[in-house]
């Protein structure tokens, strides 16, 4: 092990959909790099219904790398569903997820670990984002909308380069299946009292394949999930607030009753002789 070794255990989740051109390079880079930092790690790749050779390539690599676990979705279920499948399979103390299209450099993760001494999670944001102007505009608008609806104000809400404590995913159920997943994680994470900080990471041109985040069907699904779950979660939050108020009121009444019961009587005056 090198001097920069990290004393933790780590689960890495890589969602993949039709990434045959980049998946082998990405997986090998992740495994080779982490091997120099961490003794205890696993790489979980979720093949989300790929129609190309992504699944076959992953299964071939897994034969010679015991740290690699491959989950296959028979049909494409969406980015959020792929992450959730990965979260359900984790066995380590920390969870990191990253896109598998080669647009991130796993070496940037090394700077994240020292920040866990002060924060519960570290969120990456893309420096010099290598996307079309239309995707950048869509991302900006989505970030503004998420802030208005959920009160989540981060620099790059959908950046797929984030490090979280694993116990959060064991304790909280995730409900969204599409592009809303990062918003849901942050919403529930902050409501649970966890803390986070943000750190810039490099964003590189795609190694191959096609981005699907700007497809009309993906965008419509994200908006549909946003409004459905915004109503659901805000209602749940109000119910919890009312329950907490009733519990507090009942506790105060009980305490007041106890104080009346145990209040000492004034001593009787001794009659003068």
C-alpha atoms as a PDB file:
ATOM      1  CA  UNK A   1       0.000   0.000   0.000  1.00  0.00           C
ATOM      2  CA  UNK A   2       1.121   3.563  -0.707  1.00  0.00           C
ATOM      3  CA  UNK A   3       1.309   6.464   1.733  1.00  0.00           C
ATOM      4  CA  UNK A   4      -1.990   7.804   0.406  1.00  0.00           C
ATOM      5  CA  UNK A   5      -3.866   4.654   1.434  1.00  0.00           C
ATOM      6  CA  UNK A   6      -7.402   5.211   2.733  1.00  0.00           C
ATOM      7  CA  UNK A   7      -8.528   3.524   5.935  1.00  0.00           C
ATOM      8  CA  UNK A   8     -12.111   2.619   5.044  1.00  0.00           C
ATOM      9  CA  UNK A   9     -14.153   0.177   3.015  1.00  0.00           C
ATOM     10  CA  UNK A  10     -15.772   1.392  -0.192  1.00  0.00           C
ATOM     11  CA  UNK A  11     -18.545   0.318  -2.547  1.00  0.00           C
ATOM     12  CA  UNK A  12     -18.344   1.837  -6.031  1.00  0.00           C
ATOM     13  CA  UNK A  13     -21.481   1.850  -8.172  1.00  0.00           C
ATOM     14  CA  UNK A  14     -21.295   2.313 -11.936  1.00  0.00           C
ATOM     15  CA  UNK A  15     -24.632   2.402 -13.786  1.00  0.00           C
ATOM     16  CA  UNK A  16     -24.210   1.460 -17.444  1.00  0.00           C
ATOM     17  CA  UNK A  17     -26.483   1.501 -20.479  1.00  0.00           C
ATOM     18  CA  UNK A  18     -25.081   0.715 -23.935  1.00  0.00           C
ATOM     19  CA  UNK A  19     -21.507   1.631 -22.981  1.00  0.00           C
ATOM     20  CA  UNK A  20     -19.581  -1.099 -24.828  1.00  0.00           C
ATOM     21  CA  UNK A  21     -17.032   1.422 -26.140  1.00  0.00           C
ATOM     22  CA  UNK A  22     -16.073   2.752 -22.711  1.00  0.00           C
ATOM     23  CA  UNK A  23     -17.063   0.212 -20.070  1.00  0.00           C
ATOM     24  CA  UNK A  24     -13.930  -1.982 -20.089  1.00  0.00           C
ATOM     25  CA  UNK A  25     -11.559   0.986 -19.813  1.00  0.00           C
ATOM     26  CA  UNK A  26     -13.652   2.606 -17.070  1.00  0.00           C
ATOM     27  CA  UNK A  27     -13.909  -0.556 -14.969  1.00  0.00           C
ATOM     28  CA  UNK A  28     -10.200  -1.379 -15.271  1.00  0.00           C
ATOM     29  CA  UNK A  29      -9.220   2.191 -14.361  1.00  0.00           C
ATOM     30  CA  UNK A  30     -11.463   2.119 -11.286  1.00  0.00           C
ATOM     31  CA  UNK A  31     -10.134  -1.244 -10.075  1.00  0.00           C
ATOM     32  CA  UNK A  32      -6.469  -0.442 -10.787  1.00  0.00           C
ATOM     33  CA  UNK A  33      -6.666   2.974  -9.107  1.00  0.00           C
ATOM     34  CA  UNK A  34      -8.562   1.868  -6.018  1.00  0.00           C
ATOM     35  CA  UNK A  35      -6.159  -1.033  -5.526  1.00  0.00           C
ATOM     36  CA  UNK A  36      -3.446   1.522  -4.673  1.00  0.00           C
ATOM     37  CA  UNK A  37      -5.619   3.338  -2.088  1.00  0.00           C
ATOM     38  CA  UNK A  38      -7.975   0.901  -0.437  1.00  0.00           C
ATOM     39  CA  UNK A  39      -7.626  -2.668   0.741  1.00  0.00           C
ATOM     40  CA  UNK A  40     -11.350  -3.320   1.113  1.00  0.00           C
ATOM     41  CA  UNK A  41     -13.465  -2.266  -1.859  1.00  0.00           C
ATOM     42  CA  UNK A  42     -16.002  -3.615  -4.316  1.00  0.00           C
ATOM     43  CA  UNK A  43     -17.141  -2.389  -7.726  1.00  0.00           C
ATOM     44  CA  UNK A  44     -20.806  -2.908  -8.587  1.00  0.00           C
ATOM     45  CA  UNK A  45     -21.751  -2.302 -12.206  1.00  0.00           C
ATOM     46  CA  UNK A  46     -25.452  -2.242 -13.034  1.00  0.00           C
ATOM     47  CA  UNK A  47     -26.084  -3.096 -16.670  1.00  0.00           C
ATOM     48  CA  UNK A  48     -29.402  -1.346 -17.163  1.00  0.00           C
ATOM     49  CA  UNK A  49     -30.890  -3.299 -20.054  1.00  0.00           C
ATOM     50  CA  UNK A  50     -28.068  -2.656 -22.530  1.00  0.00           C
ATOM     51  CA  UNK A  51     -28.710  -3.874 -26.068  1.00  0.00           C
ATOM     52  CA  UNK A  52     -25.054  -3.883 -27.078  1.00  0.00           C
ATOM     53  CA  UNK A  53     -22.127  -5.949 -25.689  1.00  0.00           C
ATOM     54  CA  UNK A  54     -21.896  -4.071 -22.371  1.00  0.00           C
ATOM     55  CA  UNK A  55     -23.193  -7.020 -20.333  1.00  0.00           C
ATOM     56  CA  UNK A  56     -20.942  -9.554 -22.049  1.00  0.00           C
ATOM     57  CA  UNK A  57     -17.854  -7.392 -21.540  1.00  0.00           C
ATOM     58  CA  UNK A  58     -18.658  -6.960 -17.852  1.00  0.00           C
ATOM     59  CA  UNK A  59     -19.192 -10.661 -17.265  1.00  0.00           C
ATOM     60  CA  UNK A  60     -15.844 -11.398 -18.932  1.00  0.00           C
ATOM     61  CA  UNK A  61     -14.001  -8.938 -16.685  1.00  0.00           C
ATOM     62  CA  UNK A  62     -15.753 -10.305 -13.575  1.00  0.00           C
ATOM     63  CA  UNK A  63     -14.265 -13.763 -14.201  1.00  0.00           C
ATOM     64  CA  UNK A  64     -10.758 -12.492 -13.384  1.00  0.00           C
ATOM     65  CA  UNK A  65     -11.656  -9.753 -10.863  1.00  0.00           C
ATOM     66  CA  UNK A  66     -13.397 -10.968  -7.714  1.00  0.00           C
ATOM     67  CA  UNK A  67     -14.048  -7.393  -6.557  1.00  0.00           C
ATOM     68  CA  UNK A  68     -16.348  -6.796  -9.546  1.00  0.00           C
ATOM     69  CA  UNK A  69     -20.030  -7.642  -9.193  1.00  0.00           C
ATOM     70  CA  UNK A  70     -22.351  -7.266 -12.168  1.00  0.00           C
ATOM     71  CA  UNK A  71     -26.108  -6.751 -11.888  1.00  0.00           C
ATOM     72  CA  UNK A  72     -28.156  -7.182 -15.061  1.00  0.00           C
ATOM     73  CA  UNK A  73     -31.512  -5.512 -15.663  1.00  0.00           C
ATOM     74  CA  UNK A  74     -33.308  -7.452 -18.411  1.00  0.00           C
ATOM     75  CA  UNK A  75     -34.858  -4.188 -19.661  1.00  0.00           C
ATOM     76  CA  UNK A  76     -33.884  -0.556 -19.305  1.00  0.00           C
ATOM     77  CA  UNK A  77     -35.417   0.698 -16.051  1.00  0.00           C
ATOM     78  CA  UNK A  78     -33.810   4.117 -15.829  1.00  0.00           C
ATOM     79  CA  UNK A  79     -30.805   5.770 -14.235  1.00  0.00           C
ATOM     80  CA  UNK A  80     -32.360   6.017 -10.795  1.00  0.00           C
ATOM     81  CA  UNK A  81     -33.428   2.378 -10.797  1.00  0.00           C
ATOM     82  CA  UNK A  82     -29.900   1.342 -11.773  1.00  0.00           C
ATOM     83  CA  UNK A  83     -28.422   3.272  -8.845  1.00  0.00           C
ATOM     84  CA  UNK A  84     -30.987   1.830  -6.436  1.00  0.00           C
ATOM     85  CA  UNK A  85     -30.077  -1.716  -7.519  1.00  0.00           C
ATOM     86  CA  UNK A  86     -26.480  -0.853  -6.759  1.00  0.00           C
ATOM     87  CA  UNK A  87     -27.320   0.659  -3.369  1.00  0.00           C
ATOM     88  CA  UNK A  88     -29.239  -2.482  -2.423  1.00  0.00           C
ATOM     89  CA  UNK A  89     -26.152  -4.610  -3.127  1.00  0.00           C
ATOM     90  CA  UNK A  90     -23.536  -2.601  -1.186  1.00  0.00           C
ATOM     91  CA  UNK A  91     -21.609  -4.257   1.649  1.00  0.00           C
ATOM     92  CA  UNK A  92     -19.028  -1.586   2.576  1.00  0.00           C
ATOM     93  CA  UNK A  93     -19.031   1.503   4.837  1.00  0.00           C
ATOM     94  CA  UNK A  94     -18.839   4.193   2.164  1.00  0.00           C
ATOM     95  CA  UNK A  95     -20.627   4.449  -1.173  1.00  0.00           C
ATOM     96  CA  UNK A  96     -19.327   6.237  -4.253  1.00  0.00           C
ATOM     97  CA  UNK A  97     -21.074   6.373  -7.600  1.00  0.00           C
ATOM     98  CA  UNK A  98     -19.808   7.550 -10.969  1.00  0.00           C
ATOM     99  CA  UNK A  99     -20.962   7.374 -14.580  1.00  0.00           C
ATOM    100  CA  UNK A 100     -19.347   4.637 -16.645  1.00  0.00           C
ATOM    101  CA  UNK A 101     -19.010   6.602 -19.905  1.00  0.00           C
ATOM    102  CA  UNK A 102     -15.476   7.798 -19.181  1.00  0.00           C
ATOM    103  CA  UNK A 103     -16.367  11.448 -18.544  1.00  0.00           C
ATOM    104  CA  UNK A 104     -14.996  11.368 -14.987  1.00  0.00           C
ATOM    105  CA  UNK A 105     -11.524  10.558 -13.692  1.00  0.00           C
ATOM    106  CA  UNK A 106     -11.550   8.211 -10.690  1.00  0.00           C
ATOM    107  CA  UNK A 107      -8.314   9.832  -9.451  1.00  0.00           C
ATOM    108  CA  UNK A 108     -10.354  12.891  -8.383  1.00  0.00           C
ATOM    109  CA  UNK A 109     -11.968  10.746  -5.686  1.00  0.00           C
ATOM    110  CA  UNK A 110      -8.738  10.701  -3.662  1.00  0.00           C
ATOM    111  CA  UNK A 111      -9.303  14.301  -2.518  1.00  0.00           C
ATOM    112  CA  UNK A 112     -12.753  13.459  -1.150  1.00  0.00           C
ATOM    113  CA  UNK A 113     -11.744  11.194   1.724  1.00  0.00           C
ATOM    114  CA  UNK A 114     -10.027  13.760   3.950  1.00  0.00           C
ATOM    115  CA  UNK A 115     -13.210  15.873   3.910  1.00  0.00           C
ATOM    116  CA  UNK A 116     -15.135  13.068   5.635  1.00  0.00           C
ATOM    117  CA  UNK A 117     -13.435  14.067   8.881  1.00  0.00           C
ATOM    118  CA  UNK A 118     -15.727  17.106   8.939  1.00  0.00           C
ATOM    119  CA  UNK A 119     -18.674  16.195   6.680  1.00  0.00           C
ATOM    120  CA  UNK A 120     -20.846  13.124   6.150  1.00  0.00           C
ATOM    121  CA  UNK A 121     -20.756  13.294   2.344  1.00  0.00           C
ATOM    122  CA  UNK A 122     -18.806  14.947  -0.468  1.00  0.00           C
ATOM    123  CA  UNK A 123     -20.586  16.027  -3.665  1.00  0.00           C
ATOM    124  CA  UNK A 124     -18.661  16.618  -6.856  1.00  0.00           C
ATOM    125  CA  UNK A 125     -19.509  19.367  -9.315  1.00  0.00           C
ATOM    126  CA  UNK A 126     -18.302  19.427 -12.904  1.00  0.00           C
ATOM    127  CA  UNK A 127     -15.559  21.889 -13.861  1.00  0.00           C
ATOM    128  CA  UNK A 128     -15.716  22.946 -17.547  1.00  0.00           C
ATOM    129  CA  UNK A 129     -18.619  20.619 -18.264  1.00  0.00           C
ATOM    130  CA  UNK A 130     -18.086  18.797 -21.567  1.00  0.00           C
ATOM    131  CA  UNK A 131     -21.672  18.796 -22.811  1.00  0.00           C
ATOM    132  CA  UNK A 132     -23.665  20.593 -25.462  1.00  0.00           C
ATOM    133  CA  UNK A 133     -25.015  24.051 -24.704  1.00  0.00           C
ATOM    134  CA  UNK A 134     -28.549  22.613 -24.706  1.00  0.00           C
ATOM    135  CA  UNK A 135     -27.704  20.111 -21.961  1.00  0.00           C
ATOM    136  CA  UNK A 136     -26.066  22.876 -19.953  1.00  0.00           C
ATOM    137  CA  UNK A 137     -29.172  25.058 -20.266  1.00  0.00           C
ATOM    138  CA  UNK A 138     -31.412  22.154 -19.266  1.00  0.00           C
ATOM    139  CA  UNK A 139     -29.186  21.438 -16.252  1.00  0.00           C
ATOM    140  CA  UNK A 140     -29.266  25.084 -15.156  1.00  0.00           C
ATOM    141  CA  UNK A 141     -33.056  25.220 -15.380  1.00  0.00           C
ATOM    142  CA  UNK A 142     -33.417  21.929 -13.515  1.00  0.00           C
ATOM    143  CA  UNK A 143     -31.117  23.145 -10.738  1.00  0.00           C
ATOM    144  CA  UNK A 144     -33.215  26.316 -10.294  1.00  0.00           C
ATOM    145  CA  UNK A 145     -36.448  24.309 -10.221  1.00  0.00           C
ATOM    146  CA  UNK A 146     -35.075  21.813  -7.681  1.00  0.00           C
ATOM    147  CA  UNK A 147     -34.011  24.687  -5.447  1.00  0.00           C
ATOM    148  CA  UNK A 148     -37.438  26.317  -5.608  1.00  0.00           C
ATOM    149  CA  UNK A 149     -39.408  23.120  -4.995  1.00  0.00           C
ATOM    150  CA  UNK A 150     -37.214  21.259  -2.494  1.00  0.00           C
ATOM    151  CA  UNK A 151     -34.951  23.935  -1.034  1.00  0.00           C
ATOM    152  CA  UNK A 152     -31.855  22.105  -2.297  1.00  0.00           C
ATOM    153  CA  UNK A 153     -29.181  24.533  -3.439  1.00  0.00           C
ATOM    154  CA  UNK A 154     -26.041  22.839  -4.741  1.00  0.00           C
ATOM    155  CA  UNK A 155     -23.759  23.734  -7.622  1.00  0.00           C
ATOM    156  CA  UNK A 156     -24.389  20.605  -9.711  1.00  0.00           C
ATOM    157  CA  UNK A 157     -27.268  18.531  -8.372  1.00  0.00           C
ATOM    158  CA  UNK A 158     -26.996  15.791 -11.015  1.00  0.00           C
ATOM    159  CA  UNK A 159     -23.227  15.423 -11.100  1.00  0.00           C
ATOM    160  CA  UNK A 160     -22.611  11.667 -11.029  1.00  0.00           C
ATOM    161  CA  UNK A 161     -19.545  11.807  -8.795  1.00  0.00           C
ATOM    162  CA  UNK A 162     -20.593  11.621  -5.151  1.00  0.00           C
ATOM    163  CA  UNK A 163     -19.394   9.957  -1.935  1.00  0.00           C
ATOM    164  CA  UNK A 164     -21.927   9.045   0.784  1.00  0.00           C
ATOM    165  CA  UNK A 165     -22.039   7.041   4.020  1.00  0.00           C
ATOM    166  CA  UNK A 166     -23.504   3.602   3.354  1.00  0.00           C
ATOM    167  CA  UNK A 167     -25.729   3.605   6.432  1.00  0.00           C
ATOM    168  CA  UNK A 168     -27.940   6.279   4.821  1.00  0.00           C
ATOM    169  CA  UNK A 169     -28.899   3.873   2.025  1.00  0.00           C
ATOM    170  CA  UNK A 170     -29.565   1.107   4.532  1.00  0.00           C
ATOM    171  CA  UNK A 171     -31.916   3.342   6.536  1.00  0.00           C
ATOM    172  CA  UNK A 172     -33.841   5.223   3.854  1.00  0.00           C
ATOM    173  CA  UNK A 173     -35.896   3.875   0.976  1.00  0.00           C
ATOM    174  CA  UNK A 174     -35.443   5.557  -2.406  1.00  0.00           C
ATOM    175  CA  UNK A 175     -38.541   5.830  -4.578  1.00  0.00           C
ATOM    176  CA  UNK A 176     -37.662   7.521  -7.875  1.00  0.00           C
ATOM    177  CA  UNK A 177     -36.444   5.650 -10.951  1.00  0.00           C
ATOM    178  CA  UNK A 178     -35.195   8.336 -13.317  1.00  0.00           C
ATOM    179  CA  UNK A 179     -33.235  11.581 -13.286  1.00  0.00           C
ATOM    180  CA  UNK A 180     -34.863  12.639 -10.004  1.00  0.00           C
ATOM    181  CA  UNK A 181     -32.710  10.207  -8.030  1.00  0.00           C
ATOM    182  CA  UNK A 182     -29.970  12.697  -7.101  1.00  0.00           C
ATOM    183  CA  UNK A 183     -32.559  15.212  -5.928  1.00  0.00           C
ATOM    184  CA  UNK A 184     -34.291  12.559  -3.834  1.00  0.00           C
ATOM    185  CA  UNK A 185     -31.039  11.444  -2.218  1.00  0.00           C
ATOM    186  CA  UNK A 186     -30.071  15.011  -1.294  1.00  0.00           C
ATOM    187  CA  UNK A 187     -33.570  15.883  -0.077  1.00  0.00           C
ATOM    188  CA  UNK A 188     -33.768  12.891   2.258  1.00  0.00           C
ATOM    189  CA  UNK A 189     -30.102  13.155   3.227  1.00  0.00           C
ATOM    190  CA  UNK A 190     -30.411  16.747   4.438  1.00  0.00           C
ATOM    191  CA  UNK A 191     -33.763  16.134   6.117  1.00  0.00           C
ATOM    192  CA  UNK A 192     -32.134  13.305   8.071  1.00  0.00           C
ATOM    193  CA  UNK A 193     -29.615  15.767   9.500  1.00  0.00           C
ATOM    194  CA  UNK A 194     -26.552  14.695   7.499  1.00  0.00           C
ATOM    195  CA  UNK A 195     -23.986  17.235   6.325  1.00  0.00           C
ATOM    196  CA  UNK A 196     -22.126  17.581   3.039  1.00  0.00           C
ATOM    197  CA  UNK A 197     -19.590  19.719   1.215  1.00  0.00           C
ATOM    198  CA  UNK A 198     -18.883  20.239  -2.493  1.00  0.00           C
ATOM    199  CA  UNK A 199     -15.688  19.795  -4.503  1.00  0.00           C
ATOM    200  CA  UNK A 200     -14.928  20.422  -8.165  1.00  0.00           C
ATOM    201  CA  UNK A 201     -13.999  17.488 -10.401  1.00  0.00           C
ATOM    202  CA  UNK A 202     -12.811  17.226 -13.976  1.00  0.00           C
ATOM    203  CA  UNK A 203     -15.333  16.482 -16.721  1.00  0.00           C
ATOM    204  CA  UNK A 204     -14.013  14.866 -19.879  1.00  0.00           C
ATOM    205  CA  UNK A 205     -15.387  14.243 -23.385  1.00  0.00           C
ATOM    206  CA  UNK A 206     -17.274  10.968 -23.792  1.00  0.00           C
ATOM    207  CA  UNK A 207     -15.209   7.974 -24.879  1.00  0.00           C
ATOM    208  CA  UNK A 208     -18.073   6.638 -26.944  1.00  0.00           C
ATOM    209  CA  UNK A 209     -21.754   5.861 -26.937  1.00  0.00           C
ATOM    210  CA  UNK A 210     -24.525   8.427 -26.749  1.00  0.00           C
ATOM    211  CA  UNK A 211     -25.829  10.532 -23.877  1.00  0.00           C
ATOM    212  CA  UNK A 212     -29.505   9.866 -23.126  1.00  0.00           C
ATOM    213  CA  UNK A 213     -30.155  12.460 -20.438  1.00  0.00           C
ATOM    214  CA  UNK A 214     -31.524  15.029 -22.912  1.00  0.00           C
ATOM    215  CA  UNK A 215     -34.050  12.692 -24.533  1.00  0.00           C
ATOM    216  CA  UNK A 216     -37.624  14.093 -24.334  1.00  0.00           C
ATOM    217  CA  UNK A 217     -38.853  10.903 -22.648  1.00  0.00           C
ATOM    218  CA  UNK A 218     -36.169  11.202 -19.943  1.00  0.00           C
ATOM    219  CA  UNK A 219     -36.969  14.879 -19.365  1.00  0.00           C
ATOM    220  CA  UNK A 220     -40.716  14.257 -19.171  1.00  0.00           C
ATOM    221  CA  UNK A 221     -40.193  11.419 -16.714  1.00  0.00           C
ATOM    222  CA  UNK A 222     -38.046  13.681 -14.533  1.00  0.00           C
ATOM    223  CA  UNK A 223     -40.706  16.412 -14.446  1.00  0.00           C
ATOM    224  CA  UNK A 224     -43.444  13.880 -13.735  1.00  0.00           C
ATOM    225  CA  UNK A 225     -41.491  12.389 -10.824  1.00  0.00           C
ATOM    226  CA  UNK A 226     -40.624  15.850  -9.520  1.00  0.00           C
ATOM    227  CA  UNK A 227     -44.219  16.982  -9.175  1.00  0.00           C
ATOM    228  CA  UNK A 228     -45.557  13.628  -7.941  1.00  0.00           C
ATOM    229  CA  UNK A 229     -42.943  13.234  -5.221  1.00  0.00           C
ATOM    230  CA  UNK A 230     -42.862  16.925  -4.315  1.00  0.00           C
ATOM    231  CA  UNK A 231     -46.526  16.632  -3.312  1.00  0.00           C
ATOM    232  CA  UNK A 232     -45.973  13.298  -1.580  1.00  0.00           C
ATOM    233  CA  UNK A 233     -42.904  14.327   0.429  1.00  0.00           C
ATOM    234  CA  UNK A 234     -44.283  17.731   1.419  1.00  0.00           C
ATOM    235  CA  UNK A 235     -47.467  16.057   2.710  1.00  0.00           C
ATOM    236  CA  UNK A 236     -45.400  13.538   4.647  1.00  0.00           C
ATOM    237  CA  UNK A 237     -43.320  16.359   6.096  1.00  0.00           C
ATOM    238  CA  UNK A 238     -46.432  18.234   7.254  1.00  0.00           C
ATOM    239  CA  UNK A 239     -47.800  15.055   8.873  1.00  0.00           C
ATOM    240  CA  UNK A 240     -44.526  14.557  10.711  1.00  0.00           C
ATOM    241  CA  UNK A 241     -44.541  18.183  11.862  1.00  0.00           C
ATOM    242  CA  UNK A 242     -48.100  17.860  13.188  1.00  0.00           C
ATOM    243  CA  UNK A 243     -47.208  14.576  14.905  1.00  0.00           C
ATOM    244  CA  UNK A 244     -44.171  16.212  16.515  1.00  0.00           C
ATOM    245  CA  UNK A 245     -46.301  19.159  17.690  1.00  0.00           C
ATOM    246  CA  UNK A 246     -48.915  16.826  19.228  1.00  0.00           C
ATOM    247  CA  UNK A 247     -46.178  14.791  20.906  1.00  0.00           C
ATOM    248  CA  UNK A 248     -44.578  17.941  22.302  1.00  0.00           C
ATOM    249  CA  UNK A 249     -47.919  19.256  23.550  1.00  0.00           C
ATOM    250  CA  UNK A 250     -48.772  15.929  25.203  1.00  0.00           C
ATOM    251  CA  UNK A 251     -45.347  15.805  26.830  1.00  0.00           C
ATOM    252  CA  UNK A 252     -45.800  19.312  28.216  1.00  0.00           C
ATOM    253  CA  UNK A 253     -49.252  18.446  29.575  1.00  0.00           C
ATOM    254  CA  UNK A 254     -47.932  15.277  31.208  1.00  0.00           C
ATOM    255  CA  UNK A 255     -45.020  17.148  32.746  1.00  0.00           C
ATOM    256  CA  UNK A 256     -47.357  19.844  34.046  1.00  0.00           C
ATOM    257  CA  UNK A 257     -49.658  17.215  35.611  1.00  0.00           C
ATOM    258  CA  UNK A 258     -46.713  15.516  37.309  1.00  0.00           C
ATOM    259  CA  UNK A 259     -45.514  18.813  38.710  1.00  0.00           C
ATOM    260  CA  UNK A 260     -48.937  19.461  40.233  1.00  0.00           C
ATOM    261  CA  UNK A 261     -49.050  15.999  41.769  1.00  0.00           C
ATOM    262  CA  UNK A 262     -45.630  16.100  43.354  1.00  0.00           C
ATOM    263  CA  UNK A 263     -45.737  19.766  44.392  1.00  0.00           C
ATOM    264  CA  UNK A 264     -44.815  19.919  48.109  1.00  0.00           C
ATOM    265  CA  UNK A 265     -47.407  21.164  50.553  1.00  0.00           C
ATOM    266  CA  UNK A 266     -46.649  24.191  52.659  1.00  0.00           C
ATOM    267  CA  UNK A 267     -45.640  23.184  56.176  1.00  0.00           C
ATOM    268  CA  UNK A 268     -48.295  23.732  58.806  1.00  0.00           C
ATOM    269  CA  UNK A 269     -47.615  26.603  61.176  1.00  0.00           C
ATOM    270  CA  UNK A 270     -46.842  25.574  64.735  1.00  0.00           C
ATOM    271  CA  UNK A 271     -49.387  27.194  67.078  1.00  0.00           C
ATOM    272  CA  UNK A 272     -47.944  29.557  69.656  1.00  0.00           C
ATOM    273  CA  UNK A 273     -48.129  28.356  73.285  1.00  0.00           C
END
